[in-house]
PDB file of N, CA and C in Angstrom:
ATOM      1  N   MET A   1      78.993 190.564 103.885  1.00  0.00           N
ATOM      2  CA  MET A   1      80.261 190.469 103.172  1.00  0.00           C
ATOM      3  C   MET A   1      80.379 189.090 102.532  1.00  0.00           C
ATOM      4  N   ARG A   2      80.785 189.073 101.280  1.00  0.00           N
ATOM      5  CA  ARG A   2      80.938 187.822 100.559  1.00  0.00           C
ATOM      6  C   ARG A   2      82.237 187.136 100.935  1.00  0.00           C
ATOM      7  N   GLU A   3      82.231 185.811 100.767  1.00  0.00           N
ATOM      8  CA  GLU A   3      83.453 185.054 100.972  1.00  0.00           C
ATOM      9  C   GLU A   3      84.342 185.184  99.745  1.00  0.00           C
ATOM     10  N   GLU A   4      85.640 185.078  99.962  1.00  0.00           N
ATOM     11  CA  GLU A   4      86.581 185.081  98.858  1.00  0.00           C
ATOM     12  C   GLU A   4      86.342 183.846  97.998  1.00  0.00           C
ATOM     13  N   PRO A   5      86.408 183.980  96.671  1.00  0.00           N
ATOM     14  CA  PRO A   5      86.256 182.803  95.823  1.00  0.00           C
ATOM     15  C   PRO A   5      87.416 181.838  96.015  1.00  0.00           C
ATOM     16  N   THR A   6      87.135 180.565  95.889  1.00  0.00           N
ATOM     17  CA  THR A   6      88.164 179.545  96.061  1.00  0.00           C
ATOM     18  C   THR A   6      88.065 178.525  94.939  1.00  0.00           C
ATOM     19  N   GLY A   7      89.032 177.648  94.890  1.00  0.00           N
ATOM     20  CA  GLY A   7      89.009 176.509  93.995  1.00  0.00           C
ATOM     21  C   GLY A   7      88.786 176.843  92.547  1.00  0.00           C
ATOM     22  N   GLU A   8      87.777 176.194  91.970  1.00  0.00           N
ATOM     23  CA  GLU A   8      87.495 176.317  90.549  1.00  0.00           C
ATOM     24  C   GLU A   8      87.161 177.754  90.152  1.00  0.00           C
ATOM     25  N   ARG A   9      86.405 178.456  90.976  1.00  0.00           N
ATOM     26  CA  ARG A   9      86.033 179.849  90.669  1.00  0.00           C
ATOM     27  C   ARG A   9      87.270 180.739  90.622  1.00  0.00           C
ATOM     28  N   LEU A  10      88.183 180.553  91.569  1.00  0.00           N
ATOM     29  CA  LEU A  10      89.401 181.352  91.596  1.00  0.00           C
ATOM     30  C   LEU A  10      90.269 181.047  90.371  1.00  0.00           C
ATOM     31  N   THR A  11      90.316 179.796  89.968  1.00  0.00           N
ATOM     32  CA  THR A  11      91.059 179.407  88.771  1.00  0.00           C
ATOM     33  C   THR A  11      90.446 180.050  87.533  1.00  0.00           C
ATOM     34  N   GLU A  12      89.119 180.064  87.458  1.00  0.00           N
ATOM     35  CA  GLU A  12      88.419 180.700  86.341  1.00  0.00           C
ATOM     36  C   GLU A  12      88.717 182.197  86.297  1.00  0.00           C
ATOM     37  N   LEU A  13      88.708 182.842  87.465  1.00  0.00           N
ATOM     38  CA  LEU A  13      89.011 184.279  87.522  1.00  0.00           C
ATOM     39  C   LEU A  13      90.447 184.549  87.088  1.00  0.00           C
ATOM     40  N   ARG A  14      91.363 183.682  87.484  1.00  0.00           N
ATOM     41  CA  ARG A  14      92.768 183.854  87.100  1.00  0.00           C
ATOM     42  C   ARG A  14      92.917 183.739  85.582  1.00  0.00           C
ATOM     43  N   ARG A  15      92.238 182.775  84.971  1.00  0.00           N
ATOM     44  CA  ARG A  15      92.308 182.626  83.514  1.00  0.00           C
ATOM     45  C   ARG A  15      91.746 183.860  82.811  1.00  0.00           C
ATOM     46  N   THR A  16      90.645 184.375  83.315  1.00  0.00           N
ATOM     47  CA  THR A  16      90.042 185.570  82.727  1.00  0.00           C
ATOM     48  C   THR A  16      90.975 186.763  82.869  1.00  0.00           C
ATOM     49  N   PHE A  17      91.515 186.951  84.067  1.00  0.00           N
ATOM     50  CA  PHE A  17      92.457 188.046  84.314  1.00  0.00           C
ATOM     51  C   PHE A  17      93.658 187.942  83.376  1.00  0.00           C
ATOM     52  N   ASP A  18      94.224 186.746  83.272  1.00  0.00           N
ATOM     53  CA  ASP A  18      95.404 186.555  82.423  1.00  0.00           C
ATOM     54  C   ASP A  18      95.086 186.822  80.949  1.00  0.00           C
ATOM     55  N   ALA A  19      93.874 186.509  80.519  1.00  0.00           N
ATOM     56  CA  ALA A  19      93.474 186.775  79.136  1.00  0.00           C
ATOM     57  C   ALA A  19      93.386 188.278  78.867  1.00  0.00           C
ATOM     58  N   ILE A  20      92.958 189.041  79.852  1.00  0.00           N
ATOM     59  CA  ILE A  20      92.849 190.494  79.705  1.00  0.00           C
ATOM     60  C   ILE A  20      94.219 191.158  79.811  1.00  0.00           C
ATOM     61  N   ASP A  21      95.083 190.614  80.663  1.00  0.00           N
ATOM     62  CA  ASP A  21      96.427 191.152  80.910  1.00  0.00           C
ATOM     63  C   ASP A  21      97.349 190.822  79.738  1.00  0.00           C
ATOM     64  N   ALA A  22      97.210 191.580  78.657  1.00  0.00           N
ATOM     65  CA  ALA A  22      97.883 191.278  77.394  1.00  0.00           C
ATOM     66  C   ALA A  22      99.408 191.232  77.502  1.00  0.00           C
ATOM     67  N   ASP A  23      99.993 192.103  78.313  1.00  0.00           N
ATOM     68  CA  ASP A  23     101.457 192.123  78.384  1.00  0.00           C
ATOM     69  C   ASP A  23     102.015 191.208  79.483  1.00  0.00           C
ATOM     70  N   GLY A  24     101.127 190.567  80.244  1.00  0.00           N
ATOM     71  CA  GLY A  24     101.554 189.592  81.239  1.00  0.00           C
ATOM     72  C   GLY A  24     102.302 190.158  82.429  1.00  0.00           C
ATOM     73  N   ASP A  25     102.111 191.450  82.712  1.00  0.00           N
ATOM     74  CA  ASP A  25     102.848 192.059  83.823  1.00  0.00           C
ATOM     75  C   ASP A  25     102.162 191.889  85.180  1.00  0.00           C
ATOM     76  N   GLY A  26     101.001 191.221  85.196  1.00  0.00           N
ATOM     77  CA  GLY A  26     100.292 190.997  86.455  1.00  0.00           C
ATOM     78  C   GLY A  26      99.319 192.109  86.821  1.00  0.00           C
ATOM     79  N   PHE A  27      99.119 193.048  85.902  1.00  0.00           N
ATOM     80  CA  PHE A  27      98.181 194.147  86.113  1.00  0.00           C
ATOM     81  C   PHE A  27      97.368 194.358  84.851  1.00  0.00           C
ATOM     82  N   VAL A  28      96.138 194.845  85.013  1.00  0.00           N
ATOM     83  CA  VAL A  28      95.281 195.162  83.883  1.00  0.00           C
ATOM     84  C   VAL A  28      95.097 196.675  83.841  1.00  0.00           C
ATOM     85  N   THR A  29      95.384 197.255  82.693  1.00  0.00           N
ATOM     86  CA  THR A  29      95.259 198.701  82.494  1.00  0.00           C
ATOM     87  C   THR A  29      93.972 199.010  81.730  1.00  0.00           C
ATOM     88  N   ASP A  30      93.631 200.293  81.663  1.00  0.00           N
ATOM     89  CA  ASP A  30      92.489 200.729  80.859  1.00  0.00           C
ATOM     90  C   ASP A  30      92.640 200.277  79.405  1.00  0.00           C
ATOM     91  N   GLU A  31      93.855 200.390  78.886  1.00  0.00           N
ATOM     92  CA  GLU A  31      94.101 200.013  77.497  1.00  0.00           C
ATOM     93  C   GLU A  31      93.831 198.527  77.278  1.00  0.00           C
ATOM     94  N   GLU A  32      94.245 197.698  78.226  1.00  0.00           N
ATOM     95  CA  GLU A  32      94.010 196.258  78.100  1.00  0.00           C
ATOM     96  C   GLU A  32      92.522 195.927  78.214  1.00  0.00           C
ATOM     97  N   PHE A  33      91.822 196.596  79.139  1.00  0.00           N
ATOM     98  CA  PHE A  33      90.371 196.405  79.218  1.00  0.00           C
ATOM     99  C   PHE A  33      89.714 196.822  77.909  1.00  0.00           C
ATOM    100  N   GLY A  34      90.130 197.973  77.377  1.00  0.00           N
ATOM    101  CA  GLY A  34      89.562 198.467  76.134  1.00  0.00           C
ATOM    102  C   GLY A  34      89.813 197.535  74.967  1.00  0.00           C
ATOM    103  N   ALA A  35      90.993 196.936  74.909  1.00  0.00           N
ATOM    104  CA  ALA A  35      91.305 195.998  73.837  1.00  0.00           C
ATOM    105  C   ALA A  35      90.495 194.709  73.975  1.00  0.00           C
ATOM    106  N   HIS A  36      90.306 194.271  75.209  1.00  0.00           N
ATOM    107  CA  HIS A  36      89.576 193.017  75.459  1.00  0.00           C
ATOM    108  C   HIS A  36      88.063 193.215  75.333  1.00  0.00           C
ATOM    109  N   PHE A  37      87.595 194.393  75.721  1.00  0.00           N
ATOM    110  CA  PHE A  37      86.166 194.731  75.663  1.00  0.00           C
ATOM    111  C   PHE A  37      85.998 196.007  74.849  1.00  0.00           C
ATOM    112  N   PRO A  38      86.119 195.923  73.518  1.00  0.00           N
ATOM    113  CA  PRO A  38      86.122 197.141  72.694  1.00  0.00           C
ATOM    114  C   PRO A  38      84.823 197.953  72.750  1.00  0.00           C
ATOM    115  N   ASP A  39      83.721 197.343  73.131  1.00  0.00           N
ATOM    116  CA  ASP A  39      82.452 198.075  73.198  1.00  0.00           C
ATOM    117  C   ASP A  39      82.195 198.700  74.566  1.00  0.00           C
ATOM    118  N   LEU A  40      83.133 198.558  75.483  1.00  0.00           N
ATOM    119  CA  LEU A  40      82.979 199.117  76.827  1.00  0.00           C
ATOM    120  C   LEU A  40      83.132 200.635  76.763  1.00  0.00           C
ATOM    121  N   PRO A  41      82.116 201.382  77.203  1.00  0.00           N
ATOM    122  CA  PRO A  41      82.205 202.847  77.140  1.00  0.00           C
ATOM    123  C   PRO A  41      83.283 203.401  78.082  1.00  0.00           C
ATOM    124  N   ALA A  42      83.827 204.539  77.722  1.00  0.00           N
ATOM    125  CA  ALA A  42      84.862 205.188  78.545  1.00  0.00           C
ATOM    126  C   ALA A  42      84.358 205.443  79.962  1.00  0.00           C
ATOM    127  N   GLU A  43      83.065 205.752  80.090  1.00  0.00           N
ATOM    128  CA  GLU A  43      82.490 205.997  81.417  1.00  0.00           C
ATOM    129  C   GLU A  43      82.592 204.747  82.292  1.00  0.00           C
ATOM    130  N   ALA A  44      82.431 203.586  81.690  1.00  0.00           N
ATOM    131  CA  ALA A  44      82.526 202.330  82.445  1.00  0.00           C
ATOM    132  C   ALA A  44      83.951 202.107  82.931  1.00  0.00           C
ATOM    133  N   LEU A  45      84.929 202.444  82.094  1.00  0.00           N
ATOM    134  CA  LEU A  45      86.321 202.313  82.523  1.00  0.00           C
ATOM    135  C   LEU A  45      86.623 203.253  83.683  1.00  0.00           C
ATOM    136  N   GLY A  46      86.125 204.471  83.603  1.00  0.00           N
ATOM    137  CA  GLY A  46      86.328 205.425  84.689  1.00  0.00           C
ATOM    138  C   GLY A  46      85.701 204.946  85.976  1.00  0.00           C
ATOM    139  N   SER A  47      84.511 204.405  85.881  1.00  0.00           N
ATOM    140  CA  SER A  47      83.826 203.863  87.049  1.00  0.00           C
ATOM    141  C   SER A  47      84.586 202.685  87.623  1.00  0.00           C
ATOM    142  N   LEU A  48      85.092 201.829  86.742  1.00  0.00           N
ATOM    143  CA  LEU A  48      85.865 200.665  87.180  1.00  0.00           C
ATOM    144  C   LEU A  48      87.093 201.118  87.964  1.00  0.00           C
ATOM    145  N   ASN A  49      87.788 202.116  87.453  1.00  0.00           N
ATOM    146  CA  ASN A  49      88.965 202.619  88.164  1.00  0.00           C
ATOM    147  C   ASN A  49      88.600 203.190  89.528  1.00  0.00           C
ATOM    148  N   ARG A  50      87.530 203.954  89.581  1.00  0.00           N
ATOM    149  CA  ARG A  50      87.122 204.541  90.866  1.00  0.00           C
ATOM    150  C   ARG A  50      86.737 203.458  91.869  1.00  0.00           C
ATOM    151  N   ASP A  51      86.020 202.453  91.403  1.00  0.00           N
ATOM    152  CA  ASP A  51      85.486 201.430  92.296  1.00  0.00           C
ATOM    153  C   ASP A  51      86.473 200.320  92.630  1.00  0.00           C
ATOM    154  N   ALA A  52      87.360 199.990  91.712  1.00  0.00           N
ATOM    155  CA  ALA A  52      88.186 198.797  91.888  1.00  0.00           C
ATOM    156  C   ALA A  52      89.648 199.064  92.194  1.00  0.00           C
ATOM    157  N   ASP A  53      90.173 200.183  91.735  1.00  0.00           N
ATOM    158  CA  ASP A  53      91.606 200.457  91.891  1.00  0.00           C
ATOM    159  C   ASP A  53      91.894 200.948  93.306  1.00  0.00           C
ATOM    160  N   ALA A  54      91.985 200.015  94.228  1.00  0.00           N
ATOM    161  CA  ALA A  54      92.105 200.341  95.652  1.00  0.00           C
ATOM    162  C   ALA A  54      93.354 201.146  95.988  1.00  0.00           C
ATOM    163  N   ASP A  55      94.467 200.882  95.320  1.00  0.00           N
ATOM    164  CA  ASP A  55      95.697 201.595  95.647  1.00  0.00           C
ATOM    165  C   ASP A  55      95.939 202.818  94.766  1.00  0.00           C
ATOM    166  N   GLY A  56      95.030 203.078  93.822  1.00  0.00           N
ATOM    167  CA  GLY A  56      95.100 204.286  93.010  1.00  0.00           C
ATOM    168  C   GLY A  56      96.251 204.356  92.031  1.00  0.00           C
ATOM    169  N   ASP A  57      96.797 203.194  91.621  1.00  0.00           N
ATOM    170  CA  ASP A  57      97.939 203.221  90.714  1.00  0.00           C
ATOM    171  C   ASP A  57      97.549 203.218  89.236  1.00  0.00           C
ATOM    172  N   GLY A  58      96.233 203.257  88.947  1.00  0.00           N
ATOM    173  CA  GLY A  58      95.781 203.326  87.568  1.00  0.00           C
ATOM    174  C   GLY A  58      95.719 202.001  86.847  1.00  0.00           C
ATOM    175  N   ARG A  59      95.851 200.925  87.578  1.00  0.00           N
ATOM    176  CA  ARG A  59      95.762 199.590  86.999  1.00  0.00           C
ATOM    177  C   ARG A  59      95.215 198.640  88.051  1.00  0.00           C
ATOM    178  N   LEU A  60      94.705 197.492  87.604  1.00  0.00           N
ATOM    179  CA  LEU A  60      94.130 196.527  88.542  1.00  0.00           C
ATOM    180  C   LEU A  60      95.055 195.341  88.736  1.00  0.00           C
ATOM    181  N   SER A  61      95.308 195.023  89.990  1.00  0.00           N
ATOM    182  CA  SER A  61      96.011 193.785  90.313  1.00  0.00           C
ATOM    183  C   SER A  61      95.001 192.646  90.295  1.00  0.00           C
ATOM    184  N   PHE A  62      95.464 191.423  90.373  1.00  0.00           N
ATOM    185  CA  PHE A  62      94.552 190.289  90.407  1.00  0.00           C
ATOM    186  C   PHE A  62      93.629 190.384  91.616  1.00  0.00           C
ATOM    187  N   GLU A  63      94.153 190.785  92.760  1.00  0.00           N
ATOM    188  CA  GLU A  63      93.337 190.902  93.973  1.00  0.00           C
ATOM    189  C   GLU A  63      92.229 191.936  93.801  1.00  0.00           C
ATOM    190  N   GLU A  64      92.557 193.079  93.193  1.00  0.00           N
ATOM    191  CA  GLU A  64      91.532 194.104  92.933  1.00  0.00           C
ATOM    192  C   GLU A  64      90.488 193.587  91.944  1.00  0.00           C
ATOM    193  N   PHE A  65      90.953 192.872  90.929  1.00  0.00           N
ATOM    194  CA  PHE A  65      90.051 192.288  89.933  1.00  0.00           C
ATOM    195  C   PHE A  65      89.069 191.307  90.609  1.00  0.00           C
ATOM    196  N   VAL A  66      89.587 190.457  91.459  1.00  0.00           N
ATOM    197  CA  VAL A  66      88.731 189.481  92.159  1.00  0.00           C
ATOM    198  C   VAL A  66      87.703 190.190  93.001  1.00  0.00           C
ATOM    199  N   ARG A  67      88.098 191.242  93.718  1.00  0.00           N
ATOM    200  CA  ARG A  67      87.142 191.989  94.549  1.00  0.00           C
ATOM    201  C   ARG A  67      86.020 192.578  93.716  1.00  0.00           C
ATOM    202  N   ILE A  68      86.353 193.164  92.565  1.00  0.00           N
ATOM    203  CA  ILE A  68      85.319 193.837  91.780  1.00  0.00           C
ATOM    204  C   ILE A  68      84.390 192.836  91.105  1.00  0.00           C
ATOM    205  N   VAL A  69      84.891 191.721  90.614  1.00  0.00           N
ATOM    206  CA  VAL A  69      84.009 190.750  89.969  1.00  0.00           C
ATOM    207  C   VAL A  69      83.250 189.902  90.969  1.00  0.00           C
ATOM    208  N   SER A  70      83.710 189.893  92.227  1.00  0.00           N
ATOM    209  CA  SER A  70      83.016 189.146  93.270  1.00  0.00           C
ATOM    210  C   SER A  70      81.970 189.998  93.972  1.00  0.00           C
ATOM    211  N   GLY A  71      81.952 191.295  93.660  1.00  0.00           N
ATOM    212  CA  GLY A  71      80.935 192.175  94.213  1.00  0.00           C
ATOM    213  C   GLY A  71      81.272 192.815  95.548  1.00  0.00           C
ATOM    214  N   ASP A  72      82.505 192.723  95.993  1.00  0.00           N
ATOM    215  CA  ASP A  72      82.915 193.365  97.251  1.00  0.00           C
ATOM    216  C   ASP A  72      83.615 194.674  97.005  1.00  0.00           C
TER     217      ASP A  72
END
Protein backbone atom coordinates (compact mmCIF):
# COMPACT_ATOMS: atom_id res chain seq x y z
CA MET A 1 0.00 0.00 0.00
CA ARG A 2 1.30 3.42 -0.95
CA GLU A 3 1.61 6.29 1.46
CA GLU A 4 -0.68 9.27 1.07
CA PRO A 5 1.01 12.13 -0.79
CA THR A 6 2.09 15.04 1.37
CA GLY A 7 3.59 18.48 1.08
CA GLU A 8 4.56 19.64 -2.37
CA ARG A 9 3.00 16.62 -4.14
CA LEU A 10 -0.34 17.17 -2.41
CA THR A 11 -0.24 20.86 -3.35
CA GLU A 12 0.49 19.91 -6.97
CA LEU A 13 -2.44 17.47 -6.97
CA ARG A 14 -4.74 20.14 -5.52
CA ARG A 15 -3.74 22.60 -8.27
CA THR A 16 -4.37 19.97 -10.94
CA PHE A 17 -7.73 19.02 -9.42
CA ASP A 18 -8.78 22.67 -9.17
CA ALA A 19 -7.82 23.25 -12.82
CA ILE A 20 -10.05 20.36 -13.92
CA ASP A 21 -12.91 21.37 -11.57
CA ALA A 22 -14.21 24.10 -13.89
CA ASP A 23 -17.21 25.12 -11.79
CA GLY A 24 -15.27 25.09 -8.51
CA ASP A 25 -17.79 22.94 -6.65
CA GLY A 26 -15.11 20.62 -5.22
CA PHE A 27 -15.97 17.71 -7.53
CA VAL A 28 -14.86 16.67 -11.00
CA THR A 29 -17.49 15.33 -13.39
CA ASP A 30 -17.17 13.42 -16.67
CA GLU A 31 -17.95 16.66 -18.50
CA GLU A 32 -15.13 18.50 -16.73
CA PHE A 33 -12.67 15.68 -17.46
CA GLY A 34 -13.80 15.70 -21.08
CA ALA A 35 -13.34 19.46 -21.37
CA HIS A 36 -9.90 19.32 -19.75
CA PHE A 37 -8.79 16.21 -21.67
CA PRO A 38 -10.69 16.41 -24.99
CA ASP A 39 -8.82 13.44 -26.51
CA LEU A 40 -9.72 11.11 -23.63
CA PRO A 41 -11.88 8.27 -25.00
CA ALA A 42 -15.31 7.64 -23.48
CA GLU A 43 -14.10 4.18 -22.43
CA ALA A 44 -11.40 5.81 -20.29
CA LEU A 45 -13.99 7.98 -18.55
CA GLY A 46 -16.12 4.93 -17.83
CA SER A 47 -13.13 3.09 -16.44
CA LEU A 48 -12.20 6.10 -14.32
CA ASN A 49 -15.68 6.19 -12.82
CA ARG A 50 -15.65 2.47 -12.06
CA ASP A 51 -12.19 2.58 -10.51
CA ALA A 52 -12.15 5.93 -8.75
CA ASP A 53 -15.70 6.93 -7.82
CA ALA A 54 -15.73 5.20 -4.45
CA ASP A 55 -19.11 6.54 -3.31
CA GLY A 56 -20.81 6.06 -6.69
CA ASP A 57 -22.12 9.62 -6.97
CA GLY A 58 -20.90 10.06 -10.56
CA ARG A 59 -18.21 12.58 -9.75
CA LEU A 60 -14.78 12.60 -8.12
CA SER A 61 -13.97 14.33 -4.88
CA PHE A 62 -10.43 15.51 -4.23
CA GLU A 63 -9.83 12.45 -2.02
CA GLU A 64 -10.98 10.08 -4.79
CA PHE A 65 -8.82 11.97 -7.29
CA VAL A 66 -5.75 11.64 -5.06
CA ARG A 67 -6.34 7.89 -4.65
CA ILE A 68 -6.59 7.28 -8.38
CA VAL A 69 -3.56 9.36 -9.39
CA SER A 70 -1.52 7.90 -6.53
CA GLY A 71 -2.24 4.37 -7.72
CA ASP A 72 -4.28 3.12 -4.74
